[in-house]
Each structure stands twice: as structure tokens, then as C-alpha cells.
Protein backbone atom coordinates (compact mmCIF):
# COMPACT_ATOMS: atom_id res chain seq x y z
CA LYS A 1 84.78 112.49 107.99
CA LYS A 2 81.49 110.11 109.42
CA LEU A 3 83.63 106.67 108.11
CA GLN A 4 87.22 108.42 110.05
CA ALA A 5 84.83 108.57 113.09
CA ALA A 6 83.71 105.97 113.13
CA ALA A 7 86.89 103.58 112.08
CA ILE A 8 88.26 105.71 115.24
CA ASN A 9 85.45 104.42 117.69
CA ALA A 10 85.75 100.97 116.27
CA SER A 11 89.24 100.73 117.24
CA THR A 12 89.25 100.94 120.75
CA GLU A 13 87.21 98.12 120.71
CA GLY A 14 90.13 96.07 119.20
CA PRO A 15 92.46 95.54 115.30
CA VAL A 16 90.88 97.32 112.91
CA VAL A 17 91.41 96.37 109.00
CA LEU A 18 89.70 98.67 106.79
CA VAL A 19 88.35 97.51 103.54
CA GLY A 20 87.24 99.18 100.28
CA SER A 21 86.38 98.55 96.52
CA SER A 22 86.28 100.57 93.71
CA PHE A 23 86.34 105.15 94.75
CA GLY A 24 86.46 103.62 98.58
CA CYS A 25 89.99 102.31 97.80
CA ARG A 26 91.37 105.85 97.60
CA ILE A 27 89.41 106.70 100.95
CA VAL A 28 90.39 103.89 102.78
CA ALA A 29 94.61 104.91 101.51
CA GLY A 30 93.94 108.04 103.07
CA LEU A 31 92.81 106.60 105.58
CA LEU A 32 95.37 104.50 106.36
CA LYS A 33 98.15 107.40 105.38
CA GLN A 34 96.43 109.31 108.02
CA ARG A 35 96.35 106.76 111.29
CA GLY A 36 97.40 103.76 109.75
CA ALA A 37 99.64 102.58 112.96
CA ALA A 38 95.84 102.82 114.60
CA TRP A 39 94.75 100.41 112.87
CA ARG A 40 97.24 98.14 111.63
CA ASN A 41 98.45 99.50 108.83
CA CYS A 42 95.73 96.37 107.33
CA ALA A 43 93.68 96.54 104.60
CA VAL A 44 92.62 95.21 101.35
CA MET A 45 91.32 97.00 98.54
CA VAL A 46 88.84 95.33 96.40
CA SER A 47 89.34 97.04 92.19
CA TYR A 48 91.46 99.72 93.47
CA PRO A 49 91.03 102.38 90.36
CA LEU A 50 94.28 103.16 89.03
CA TYR A 51 93.09 105.69 86.53
CA GLY A 52 89.57 107.24 85.30
CA ASP A 53 88.86 109.29 82.88
CA ASN A 54 91.79 112.76 83.06
CA ALA A 55 95.48 111.93 83.97
CA ARG A 56 95.10 113.41 88.02
CA SER A 57 97.53 111.93 90.21
CA ASP A 58 95.35 112.60 92.70
CA ARG A 59 93.54 108.50 92.60
CA VAL A 60 97.54 107.34 93.83
CA ALA A 61 98.94 110.29 96.13
CA ALA A 62 97.17 108.80 99.40
CA LEU A 63 97.86 105.02 98.45
CA ARG A 64 102.13 106.38 98.30
CA GLU A 65 101.65 107.26 100.72
CA VAL A 66 100.71 103.81 102.77
CA ASN A 67 103.15 103.69 105.80
CA ALA A 68 106.11 101.63 104.61
CA ASP A 69 104.98 98.75 107.15
CA ALA A 70 101.28 98.73 106.66
CA ALA A 71 99.92 95.27 104.92
CA LEU A 72 97.70 96.13 101.92
CA LEU A 73 95.76 92.98 99.87
CA PHE A 74 94.67 93.76 96.54
CA HIS A 75 92.04 92.32 94.52
CA SER A 76 90.68 92.55 90.61
CA GLY A 77 89.69 91.16 87.58
CA SER A 78 91.90 90.46 85.50
CA ARG A 79 89.48 93.17 82.98
CA ASP A 80 88.75 95.73 85.68
CA GLU A 81 89.66 99.11 83.57
CA TYR A 82 90.83 100.46 86.42
CA LEU A 83 94.06 98.66 85.95
CA ASP A 84 93.79 98.47 82.52
CA ARG A 85 94.23 101.74 79.63
CA ARG A 86 96.46 100.81 77.69
CA GLY A 87 96.79 103.24 74.38
CA TRP A 88 94.81 105.38 76.93
CA ARG A 89 95.12 109.26 75.29
CA GLY A 90 98.34 108.17 73.66
CA GLN A 91 100.28 106.86 77.08
CA ASP A 92 102.12 103.94 77.48
CA VAL A 93 101.18 102.66 80.94
CA PRO A 94 101.48 99.03 83.43
CA THR A 95 98.64 97.08 83.56
CA GLY A 96 96.86 94.54 86.33
CA ARG A 97 99.45 93.13 89.28
CA ALA A 98 101.85 96.17 87.26
CA ALA A 99 100.61 98.88 87.10
CA LEU A 100 99.69 98.82 91.08
CA GLU A 101 103.30 97.72 92.26
CA ALA A 102 104.40 100.94 90.28
CA VAL A 103 102.70 102.76 93.24
CA VAL A 104 102.59 100.71 95.50
CA SER A 105 105.71 100.73 98.29
CA CYS A 106 104.56 98.78 100.92
CA ASN A 107 103.71 95.36 101.75
CA ALA A 108 101.37 94.36 99.42
CA THR A 109 100.36 90.29 97.74
CA TYR A 110 98.27 91.09 95.26
CA SER A 111 95.02 88.74 93.90
CA ILE A 112 93.62 89.41 90.24
CA VAL A 113 91.12 86.73 88.57
CA ASP A 114 89.68 85.85 85.58
């Protein structure tokens, strides 16, 4: 709630672009879901944790509900374990950029680096 209040206060001064890293990406997605238009629907997501220690879908629920006109930049390493869980618990899951594209329905740019 403190982060949301700070972002709301900052948005009265001008445009706000939210930036999250790892778990912070999930917080940013939730904030965009709630108030995206107030913050220009822009965010930078560094190492979004799609896969975790269990198969809960709550890691992507807010991301799936970000407004379709949002502009997101995803940045991650090519060996980021949160984007690559091949064989994880016997599941056949997409990896890397394909993993993100499977859940993102807005205007997104992907930067996957070695």
C-alpha cells in the first residue's frame, strides 16, 4: 500500500513509469491492473518470476489482466531460472520469451540477453 500511495502521489507531478525486479514485477503488474491509465500504462519488468517452487497460477494472474494498451518492457537473462523450467515437475512448459508471450496480451517488448 505504501508503494501504491507513493506512485499515486508521484503521478500528480507528471507521467510515471513503474519498474519492478523479480517479485517487484508482480507488484507492478498488480498496480498496473488497478490504476494503469493513471500511470501511462508503462512498466519495465526485470526478471519476471513466471515459474516458482510450485505450480500456482497467481504468479501471472495480474499480468494477464494488465490493460491491452499497456506498454511493457521485459528484460531477463537467457538462463533465468524463472523463465525456464523444462522438465520441472514433469511439466512441458514454454521457456524464455515464449513463456512470457504465453501470458502477456498487451504491447510488450522483450529483451532476453546472454
